[in-house]
Amino acid sequence: MTDDASLALAVRNVSHSFDARKALDDVSFDIAAGDFTVLLGLNGAGKTTLFALVTGLYHSRYGSISVYGADLRTKYLKALAKIGAVFQQSTLDLDLTVEQNMFYHAALHGMAKSVAGPRITAELERIGLNDRRRDRARQLSGGQRRRVELARALIHNPHLLLLDEPTVGLDIDSRQFLLDHVRGLCAERGMAVLWATHLIDEADDNSKVVVLHKGKVLATGTATAVIQSSGESNLRGAFDKLTQGAPGGKGKP
């Protein structure tokens, strides 16, 4: 494998359990700078548990996780400073305005208002919501709130962006906007992205894919490579074939 210090994210032999239930079992994979990587798995595969470990919400005794060489155990703050995250459940304060939510996030990262202000304006302009900055978050649609959460996650210029099922409950246009916007960030900024989803069509041929099933990694590589190694004609067929052969059988994402 590549030297961990040069990798946006290096997950090594990570296992995690909740009492007797093993949520992750010896999980390992890499993400390089500029990669758009899709963590593909059914509900219950362990995606959210993995995100909780990478963002420091949980800690595991087994294995290691590092962000650009900063180990989450020994260099916690250095690692987290490089991460932006959009969680599956919304974390906006609905009674605050859009800009209040964003300034609060900037303050948590130690940013002065004079620095945060221009960045907030720039990110809101990129998502087409600068004119709604003084509206309370509860006045926005679900898709607009997701855009704000994404913009908020980018204020401190992270090098690694994590998104856990970001399109759940969104309409087709909102879903496509998020995909296009985040893929653009990879190309424009060289940002690494880990996009967790159960939706096969959110991984295109240029994506890298990590197939996670019942806590185990079944395949990693480009979508094209995973398809070719499975002998199937598309990613859906490859996913079904991989999960059908795994303990516990398959499901349909």
C-alpha atoms as a PDB file:
ATOM      1  CA  MET A   1       0.000   0.000   0.000  1.00  0.00           C
ATOM      2  CA  THR A   2       1.013   3.665  -0.435  1.00  0.00           C
ATOM      3  CA  ASP A   3       2.801   5.422   2.434  1.00  0.00           C
ATOM      4  CA  ASP A   4       0.051   6.529   4.830  1.00  0.00           C
ATOM      5  CA  ALA A   5       1.413  10.077   5.174  1.00  0.00           C
ATOM      6  CA  SER A   6       0.594  10.764   1.510  1.00  0.00           C
ATOM      7  CA  LEU A   7      -2.947   9.397   1.758  1.00  0.00           C
ATOM      8  CA  ALA A   8      -6.023  11.496   2.508  1.00  0.00           C
ATOM      9  CA  LEU A   9      -7.426   8.598   4.535  1.00  0.00           C
ATOM     10  CA  ALA A  10      -5.835   5.321   5.563  1.00  0.00           C
ATOM     11  CA  VAL A  11      -8.056   2.803   7.352  1.00  0.00           C
ATOM     12  CA  ARG A  12      -6.099  -0.176   8.633  1.00  0.00           C
ATOM     13  CA  ASN A  13      -7.601  -3.375  10.072  1.00  0.00           C
ATOM     14  CA  VAL A  14     -10.377  -1.535  11.890  1.00  0.00           C
ATOM     15  CA  SER A  15     -12.910  -3.553  13.868  1.00  0.00           C
ATOM     16  CA  HIS A  16     -15.665  -2.226  16.094  1.00  0.00           C
ATOM     17  CA  SER A  17     -18.391  -3.899  18.138  1.00  0.00           C
ATOM     18  CA  PHE A  18     -21.486  -2.860  20.037  1.00  0.00           C
ATOM     19  CA  ASP A  19     -21.633  -5.413  22.845  1.00  0.00           C
ATOM     20  CA  ALA A  20     -21.840  -8.770  21.042  1.00  0.00           C
ATOM     21  CA  ARG A  21     -22.622  -7.319  17.615  1.00  0.00           C
ATOM     22  CA  LYS A  22     -19.615  -6.717  15.380  1.00  0.00           C
ATOM     23  CA  ALA A  23     -20.343  -3.648  13.229  1.00  0.00           C
ATOM     24  CA  LEU A  24     -16.972  -3.577  11.440  1.00  0.00           C
ATOM     25  CA  ASP A  25     -14.672  -6.546  10.906  1.00  0.00           C
ATOM     26  CA  ASP A  26     -11.018  -5.934   9.927  1.00  0.00           C
ATOM     27  CA  VAL A  27     -11.808  -3.064   7.536  1.00  0.00           C
ATOM     28  CA  SER A  28      -8.942  -1.650   5.450  1.00  0.00           C
ATOM     29  CA  PHE A  29      -8.854   0.762   2.495  1.00  0.00           C
ATOM     30  CA  ASP A  30      -7.116   3.914   1.235  1.00  0.00           C
ATOM     31  CA  ILE A  31      -8.251   7.214  -0.253  1.00  0.00           C
ATOM     32  CA  ALA A  32      -5.788   9.430  -2.145  1.00  0.00           C
ATOM     33  CA  ALA A  33      -6.013  13.196  -2.587  1.00  0.00           C
ATOM     34  CA  GLY A  34      -8.529  14.081  -5.294  1.00  0.00           C
ATOM     35  CA  ASP A  35     -10.309  10.720  -5.168  1.00  0.00           C
ATOM     36  CA  PHE A  36     -14.097  10.557  -5.253  1.00  0.00           C
ATOM     37  CA  THR A  37     -14.631   7.294  -3.377  1.00  0.00           C
ATOM     38  CA  VAL A  38     -18.053   5.733  -2.935  1.00  0.00           C
ATOM     39  CA  LEU A  39     -18.560   3.626   0.185  1.00  0.00           C
ATOM     40  CA  LEU A  40     -21.286   1.367  -1.143  1.00  0.00           C
ATOM     41  CA  GLY A  41     -23.379  -0.811   1.123  1.00  0.00           C
ATOM     42  CA  LEU A  42     -26.893  -1.649   2.203  1.00  0.00           C
ATOM     43  CA  ASN A  43     -28.426  -0.188   5.345  1.00  0.00           C
ATOM     44  CA  GLY A  44     -26.721  -1.903   8.262  1.00  0.00           C
ATOM     45  CA  ALA A  45     -23.481  -2.510   6.356  1.00  0.00           C
ATOM     46  CA  GLY A  46     -21.475  -0.440   8.856  1.00  0.00           C
ATOM     47  CA  LYS A  47     -21.114   2.795   6.882  1.00  0.00           C
ATOM     48  CA  THR A  48     -22.333   5.100   9.648  1.00  0.00           C
ATOM     49  CA  THR A  49     -20.206   3.312  12.250  1.00  0.00           C
ATOM     50  CA  LEU A  50     -17.159   3.808  10.059  1.00  0.00           C
ATOM     51  CA  PHE A  51     -17.955   7.510   9.678  1.00  0.00           C
ATOM     52  CA  ALA A  52     -18.332   7.835  13.437  1.00  0.00           C
ATOM     53  CA  LEU A  53     -14.858   6.356  13.863  1.00  0.00           C
ATOM     54  CA  VAL A  54     -13.253   8.548  11.197  1.00  0.00           C
ATOM     55  CA  THR A  55     -14.773  11.699  12.710  1.00  0.00           C
ATOM     56  CA  GLY A  56     -13.818  10.741  16.246  1.00  0.00           C
ATOM     57  CA  LEU A  57     -17.365  10.249  17.559  1.00  0.00           C
ATOM     58  CA  TYR A  58     -16.409   6.660  18.417  1.00  0.00           C
ATOM     59  CA  HIS A  59     -13.018   5.186  19.204  1.00  0.00           C
ATOM     60  CA  SER A  60     -11.996   1.644  18.406  1.00  0.00           C
ATOM     61  CA  ARG A  61      -9.339  -0.403  20.129  1.00  0.00           C
ATOM     62  CA  TYR A  62      -8.662  -2.432  16.999  1.00  0.00           C
ATOM     63  CA  GLY A  63      -6.858  -1.058  13.970  1.00  0.00           C
ATOM     64  CA  SER A  64      -5.871   2.478  13.049  1.00  0.00           C
ATOM     65  CA  ILE A  65      -7.221   5.455  11.099  1.00  0.00           C
ATOM     66  CA  SER A  66      -5.067   8.321   9.843  1.00  0.00           C
ATOM     67  CA  VAL A  67      -5.763  11.487   7.848  1.00  0.00           C
ATOM     68  CA  TYR A  68      -2.769  12.666   5.830  1.00  0.00           C
ATOM     69  CA  GLY A  69      -0.551  10.754   8.237  1.00  0.00           C
ATOM     70  CA  ALA A  70      -2.169  12.146  11.405  1.00  0.00           C
ATOM     71  CA  ASP A  71      -3.345   9.217  13.518  1.00  0.00           C
ATOM     72  CA  LEU A  72      -6.756   9.778  15.109  1.00  0.00           C
ATOM     73  CA  ARG A  73      -5.549   8.348  18.415  1.00  0.00           C
ATOM     74  CA  THR A  74      -2.322  10.305  18.831  1.00  0.00           C
ATOM     75  CA  LYS A  75      -2.929  13.428  16.688  1.00  0.00           C
ATOM     76  CA  TYR A  76      -6.677  13.804  17.056  1.00  0.00           C
ATOM     77  CA  LEU A  77      -6.985  17.575  16.576  1.00  0.00           C
ATOM     78  CA  LYS A  78      -4.574  17.650  13.640  1.00  0.00           C
ATOM     79  CA  ALA A  79      -6.554  14.916  11.886  1.00  0.00           C
ATOM     80  CA  LEU A  80      -9.966  16.469  12.535  1.00  0.00           C
ATOM     81  CA  ALA A  81      -8.804  19.882  11.288  1.00  0.00           C
ATOM     82  CA  LYS A  82      -8.422  18.349   7.828  1.00  0.00           C
ATOM     83  CA  ILE A  83     -11.923  16.810   7.778  1.00  0.00           C
ATOM     84  CA  GLY A  84     -15.266  18.252   6.707  1.00  0.00           C
ATOM     85  CA  ALA A  85     -18.361  16.145   7.334  1.00  0.00           C
ATOM     86  CA  VAL A  86     -22.018  15.994   6.340  1.00  0.00           C
ATOM     87  CA  PHE A  87     -23.831  13.459   8.498  1.00  0.00           C
ATOM     88  CA  GLN A  88     -26.874  11.411   7.586  1.00  0.00           C
ATOM     89  CA  GLN A  89     -29.033  13.193  10.150  1.00  0.00           C
ATOM     90  CA  SER A  90     -29.199  16.963   9.774  1.00  0.00           C
ATOM     91  CA  THR A  91     -27.163  18.889  12.349  1.00  0.00           C
ATOM     92  CA  LEU A  92     -28.379  22.396  11.490  1.00  0.00           C
ATOM     93  CA  ASP A  93     -29.970  24.411  14.279  1.00  0.00           C
ATOM     94  CA  LEU A  94     -33.339  25.153  12.682  1.00  0.00           C
ATOM     95  CA  ASP A  95     -33.944  28.216  14.861  1.00  0.00           C
ATOM     96  CA  LEU A  96     -30.736  29.906  13.725  1.00  0.00           C
ATOM     97  CA  THR A  97     -30.292  31.639  10.395  1.00  0.00           C
ATOM     98  CA  VAL A  98     -28.174  30.097   7.677  1.00  0.00           C
ATOM     99  CA  GLU A  99     -25.254  32.423   8.360  1.00  0.00           C
ATOM    100  CA  GLN A 100     -25.539  31.950  12.146  1.00  0.00           C
ATOM    101  CA  ASN A 101     -25.221  28.192  11.651  1.00  0.00           C
ATOM    102  CA  MET A 102     -22.149  28.764   9.504  1.00  0.00           C
ATOM    103  CA  PHE A 103     -20.465  31.300  11.781  1.00  0.00           C
ATOM    104  CA  TYR A 104     -20.975  28.953  14.727  1.00  0.00           C
ATOM    105  CA  HIS A 105     -19.240  26.153  12.795  1.00  0.00           C
ATOM    106  CA  ALA A 106     -16.386  28.504  11.876  1.00  0.00           C
ATOM    107  CA  ALA A 107     -15.957  29.480  15.532  1.00  0.00           C
ATOM    108  CA  LEU A 108     -15.625  25.809  16.482  1.00  0.00           C
ATOM    109  CA  HIS A 109     -12.658  25.682  14.104  1.00  0.00           C
ATOM    110  CA  GLY A 110     -11.119  28.756  15.721  1.00  0.00           C
ATOM    111  CA  MET A 111     -11.782  31.047  12.767  1.00  0.00           C
ATOM    112  CA  ALA A 112     -12.140  34.791  13.316  1.00  0.00           C
ATOM    113  CA  LYS A 113     -15.275  36.404  11.905  1.00  0.00           C
ATOM    114  CA  SER A 114     -13.146  38.489   9.571  1.00  0.00           C
ATOM    115  CA  VAL A 115     -11.789  35.297   8.017  1.00  0.00           C
ATOM    116  CA  ALA A 116     -15.005  33.281   8.149  1.00  0.00           C
ATOM    117  CA  GLY A 117     -17.233  35.970   6.623  1.00  0.00           C
ATOM    118  CA  PRO A 118     -15.773  35.974   3.102  1.00  0.00           C
ATOM    119  CA  ARG A 119     -15.533  32.184   3.069  1.00  0.00           C
ATOM    120  CA  ILE A 120     -19.181  31.838   4.092  1.00  0.00           C
ATOM    121  CA  THR A 121     -20.243  34.222   1.338  1.00  0.00           C
ATOM    122  CA  ALA A 122     -18.157  32.342  -1.237  1.00  0.00           C
ATOM    123  CA  GLU A 123     -19.549  28.932  -0.277  1.00  0.00           C
ATOM    124  CA  LEU A 124     -23.146  30.165  -0.176  1.00  0.00           C
ATOM    125  CA  GLU A 125     -22.718  31.725  -3.601  1.00  0.00           C
ATOM    126  CA  ARG A 126     -21.398  28.423  -4.967  1.00  0.00           C
ATOM    127  CA  ILE A 127     -24.548  26.632  -3.845  1.00  0.00           C
ATOM    128  CA  GLY A 128     -26.861  29.443  -4.964  1.00  0.00           C
ATOM    129  CA  LEU A 129     -28.157  30.345  -1.498  1.00  0.00           C
ATOM    130  CA  ASN A 130     -26.374  33.560  -0.560  1.00  0.00           C
ATOM    131  CA  ASP A 131     -29.697  35.385  -0.841  1.00  0.00           C
ATOM    132  CA  ARG A 132     -31.136  33.101   1.867  1.00  0.00           C
ATOM    133  CA  ARG A 133     -28.336  33.623   4.397  1.00  0.00           C
ATOM    134  CA  ARG A 134     -30.549  35.531   6.853  1.00  0.00           C
ATOM    135  CA  ASP A 135     -33.434  33.065   6.646  1.00  0.00           C
ATOM    136  CA  ARG A 136     -33.876  30.623   9.486  1.00  0.00           C
ATOM    137  CA  ALA A 137     -32.814  27.111   8.552  1.00  0.00           C
ATOM    138  CA  ARG A 138     -36.350  25.815   9.131  1.00  0.00           C
ATOM    139  CA  GLN A 139     -37.554  28.011   6.259  1.00  0.00           C
ATOM    140  CA  LEU A 140     -35.447  26.068   3.753  1.00  0.00           C
ATOM    141  CA  SER A 141     -36.443  22.940   1.865  1.00  0.00           C
ATOM    142  CA  GLY A 142     -34.730  19.637   2.597  1.00  0.00           C
ATOM    143  CA  GLY A 143     -32.499  19.992  -0.452  1.00  0.00           C
ATOM    144  CA  GLN A 144     -31.531  23.542   0.489  1.00  0.00           C
ATOM    145  CA  ARG A 145     -30.649  22.485   4.028  1.00  0.00           C
ATOM    146  CA  ARG A 146     -28.375  19.801   2.604  1.00  0.00           C
ATOM    147  CA  ARG A 147     -26.653  22.411   0.449  1.00  0.00           C
ATOM    148  CA  VAL A 148     -26.099  24.582   3.520  1.00  0.00           C
ATOM    149  CA  GLU A 149     -24.653  21.625   5.442  1.00  0.00           C
ATOM    150  CA  LEU A 150     -22.258  21.001   2.584  1.00  0.00           C
ATOM    151  CA  ALA A 151     -21.259  24.671   2.397  1.00  0.00           C
ATOM    152  CA  ARG A 152     -20.762  24.716   6.172  1.00  0.00           C
ATOM    153  CA  ALA A 153     -18.496  21.668   6.014  1.00  0.00           C
ATOM    154  CA  LEU A 154     -16.220  23.500   3.558  1.00  0.00           C
ATOM    155  CA  ILE A 155     -15.691  26.774   5.460  1.00  0.00           C
ATOM    156  CA  HIS A 156     -12.392  25.671   7.036  1.00  0.00           C
ATOM    157  CA  ASN A 157     -11.031  24.354   3.710  1.00  0.00           C
ATOM    158  CA  PRO A 158     -10.841  20.663   4.627  1.00  0.00           C
ATOM    159  CA  HIS A 159      -8.709  18.248   2.634  1.00  0.00           C
ATOM    160  CA  LEU A 160     -11.050  15.299   3.192  1.00  0.00           C
ATOM    161  CA  LEU A 161     -14.833  15.542   2.867  1.00  0.00           C
ATOM    162  CA  LEU A 162     -17.069  12.845   4.365  1.00  0.00           C
ATOM    163  CA  LEU A 163     -20.737  12.527   3.397  1.00  0.00           C
ATOM    164  CA  ASP A 164     -22.962   9.863   4.956  1.00  0.00           C
ATOM    165  CA  GLU A 165     -26.036   9.098   2.797  1.00  0.00           C
ATOM    166  CA  PRO A 166     -26.282  12.795   1.844  1.00  0.00           C
ATOM    167  CA  THR A 167     -29.059  12.381  -0.743  1.00  0.00           C
ATOM    168  CA  VAL A 168     -31.561  10.401   1.329  1.00  0.00           C
ATOM    169  CA  GLY A 169     -35.001  11.995   1.058  1.00  0.00           C
ATOM    170  CA  LEU A 170     -33.975  14.500  -1.621  1.00  0.00           C
ATOM    171  CA  ASP A 171     -35.640  15.029  -4.977  1.00  0.00           C
ATOM    172  CA  ILE A 172     -33.846  14.159  -8.218  1.00  0.00           C
ATOM    173  CA  ASP A 173     -32.611  17.695  -8.929  1.00  0.00           C
ATOM    174  CA  SER A 174     -31.255  18.230  -5.405  1.00  0.00           C
ATOM    175  CA  ARG A 175     -29.571  14.855  -5.476  1.00  0.00           C
ATOM    176  CA  GLN A 176     -27.884  15.569  -8.808  1.00  0.00           C
ATOM    177  CA  PHE A 177     -26.773  19.025  -7.655  1.00  0.00           C
ATOM    178  CA  LEU A 178     -24.965  17.550  -4.651  1.00  0.00           C
ATOM    179  CA  LEU A 179     -23.266  14.866  -6.733  1.00  0.00           C
ATOM    180  CA  ASP A 180     -22.111  17.344  -9.381  1.00  0.00           C
ATOM    181  CA  HIS A 181     -20.979  19.913  -6.801  1.00  0.00           C
ATOM    182  CA  VAL A 182     -18.948  17.424  -4.776  1.00  0.00           C
ATOM    183  CA  ARG A 183     -17.370  15.816  -7.838  1.00  0.00           C
ATOM    184  CA  GLY A 184     -16.418  19.305  -8.947  1.00  0.00           C
ATOM    185  CA  LEU A 185     -14.666  19.908  -5.625  1.00  0.00           C
ATOM    186  CA  CYS A 186     -12.479  16.870  -6.273  1.00  0.00           C
ATOM    187  CA  ALA A 187     -11.433  18.236  -9.651  1.00  0.00           C
ATOM    188  CA  GLU A 188     -11.047  21.892  -8.672  1.00  0.00           C
ATOM    189  CA  ARG A 189      -9.483  21.611  -5.224  1.00  0.00           C
ATOM    190  CA  GLY A 190      -7.912  18.172  -5.254  1.00  0.00           C
ATOM    191  CA  MET A 191     -10.142  17.364  -2.304  1.00  0.00           C
ATOM    192  CA  ALA A 192     -10.608  13.732  -1.331  1.00  0.00           C
ATOM    193  CA  VAL A 193     -14.206  12.602  -0.814  1.00  0.00           C
ATOM    194  CA  LEU A 194     -15.730   9.577   0.893  1.00  0.00           C
ATOM    195  CA  TRP A 195     -19.394   9.397  -0.158  1.00  0.00           C
ATOM    196  CA  ALA A 196     -21.390   6.726   1.671  1.00  0.00           C
ATOM    197  CA  THR A 197     -24.540   5.482  -0.028  1.00  0.00           C
ATOM    198  CA  HIS A 198     -26.768   2.478  -0.648  1.00  0.00           C
ATOM    199  CA  LEU A 199     -27.662   3.813  -4.108  1.00  0.00           C
ATOM    200  CA  ILE A 200     -25.702   2.104  -6.884  1.00  0.00           C
ATOM    201  CA  ASP A 201     -26.196   4.878  -9.424  1.00  0.00           C
ATOM    202  CA  GLU A 202     -24.320   7.403  -7.268  1.00  0.00           C
ATOM    203  CA  ALA A 203     -21.086   5.702  -8.330  1.00  0.00           C
ATOM    204  CA  ASP A 204     -20.076   6.421 -11.924  1.00  0.00           C
ATOM    205  CA  ASP A 205     -17.306   4.777 -13.953  1.00  0.00           C
ATOM    206  CA  ASN A 206     -14.741   7.324 -12.710  1.00  0.00           C
ATOM    207  CA  SER A 207     -15.490   6.698  -9.047  1.00  0.00           C
ATOM    208  CA  LYS A 208     -13.435   4.543  -6.766  1.00  0.00           C
ATOM    209  CA  VAL A 209     -15.579   2.074  -4.869  1.00  0.00           C
ATOM    210  CA  VAL A 210     -15.391   0.351  -1.496  1.00  0.00           C
ATOM    211  CA  VAL A 211     -18.058  -2.340  -1.186  1.00  0.00           C
ATOM    212  CA  LEU A 212     -18.959  -2.807   2.491  1.00  0.00           C
ATOM    213  CA  HIS A 213     -21.313  -5.625   3.498  1.00  0.00           C
ATOM    214  CA  LYS A 214     -22.176  -6.696   7.049  1.00  0.00           C
ATOM    215  CA  GLY A 215     -19.064  -4.948   8.374  1.00  0.00           C
ATOM    216  CA  LYS A 216     -16.616  -6.448   5.875  1.00  0.00           C
ATOM    217  CA  VAL A 217     -14.940  -4.926   2.829  1.00  0.00           C
ATOM    218  CA  LEU A 218     -15.698  -7.187  -0.135  1.00  0.00           C
ATOM    219  CA  ALA A 219     -14.025  -5.165  -2.898  1.00  0.00           C
ATOM    220  CA  THR A 220     -12.063  -1.966  -3.500  1.00  0.00           C
ATOM    221  CA  GLY A 221     -10.897  -0.247  -6.670  1.00  0.00           C
ATOM    222  CA  THR A 222     -12.318   1.769  -9.535  1.00  0.00           C
ATOM    223  CA  ALA A 223     -15.915   1.000 -10.429  1.00  0.00           C
ATOM    224  CA  THR A 224     -14.699  -0.365 -13.771  1.00  0.00           C
ATOM    225  CA  ALA A 225     -12.178  -2.682 -12.081  1.00  0.00           C
ATOM    226  CA  VAL A 226     -14.762  -3.999  -9.608  1.00  0.00           C
ATOM    227  CA  ILE A 227     -17.157  -4.713 -12.487  1.00  0.00           C
ATOM    228  CA  GLN A 228     -14.477  -6.460 -14.558  1.00  0.00           C
ATOM    229  CA  SER A 229     -13.230  -8.610 -11.674  1.00  0.00           C
ATOM    230  CA  SER A 230     -16.785  -9.763 -10.971  1.00  0.00           C
ATOM    231  CA  GLY A 231     -17.397 -10.813 -14.572  1.00  0.00           C
ATOM    232  CA  GLU A 232     -20.602  -8.784 -14.618  1.00  0.00           C
ATOM    233  CA  SER A 233     -21.607  -6.034 -17.053  1.00  0.00           C
ATOM    234  CA  ASN A 234     -22.419  -3.284 -14.541  1.00  0.00           C
ATOM    235  CA  LEU A 235     -21.885  -2.255 -10.929  1.00  0.00           C
ATOM    236  CA  ARG A 236     -25.305  -3.429  -9.782  1.00  0.00           C
ATOM    237  CA  GLY A 237     -24.570  -6.922 -11.058  1.00  0.00           C
ATOM    238  CA  ALA A 238     -21.112  -6.847  -9.464  1.00  0.00           C
ATOM    239  CA  PHE A 239     -22.548  -5.724  -6.120  1.00  0.00           C
ATOM    240  CA  ASP A 240     -25.206  -8.438  -6.141  1.00  0.00           C
ATOM    241  CA  LYS A 241     -22.649 -11.096  -7.022  1.00  0.00           C
ATOM    242  CA  LEU A 242     -20.254  -9.987  -4.289  1.00  0.00           C
ATOM    243  CA  THR A 243     -22.881  -9.793  -1.564  1.00  0.00           C
ATOM    244  CA  GLN A 244     -24.592 -13.016  -2.621  1.00  0.00           C
ATOM    245  CA  GLY A 245     -21.347 -14.891  -2.003  1.00  0.00           C
ATOM    246  CA  ALA A 246     -20.782 -13.231   1.368  1.00  0.00           C
ATOM    247  CA  PRO A 247     -22.040 -14.610   4.703  1.00  0.00           C
ATOM    248  CA  GLY A 248     -25.598 -13.519   5.285  1.00  0.00           C
ATOM    249  CA  GLY A 249     -26.595 -13.377   1.624  1.00  0.00           C
ATOM    250  CA  LYS A 250     -27.382 -10.381  -0.526  1.00  0.00           C
ATOM    251  CA  GLY A 251     -29.795  -7.498  -0.731  1.00  0.00           C
ATOM    252  CA  LYS A 252     -30.872  -4.989  -3.310  1.00  0.00           C
ATOM    253  CA  PRO A 253     -29.618  -1.412  -2.868  1.00  0.00           C
END
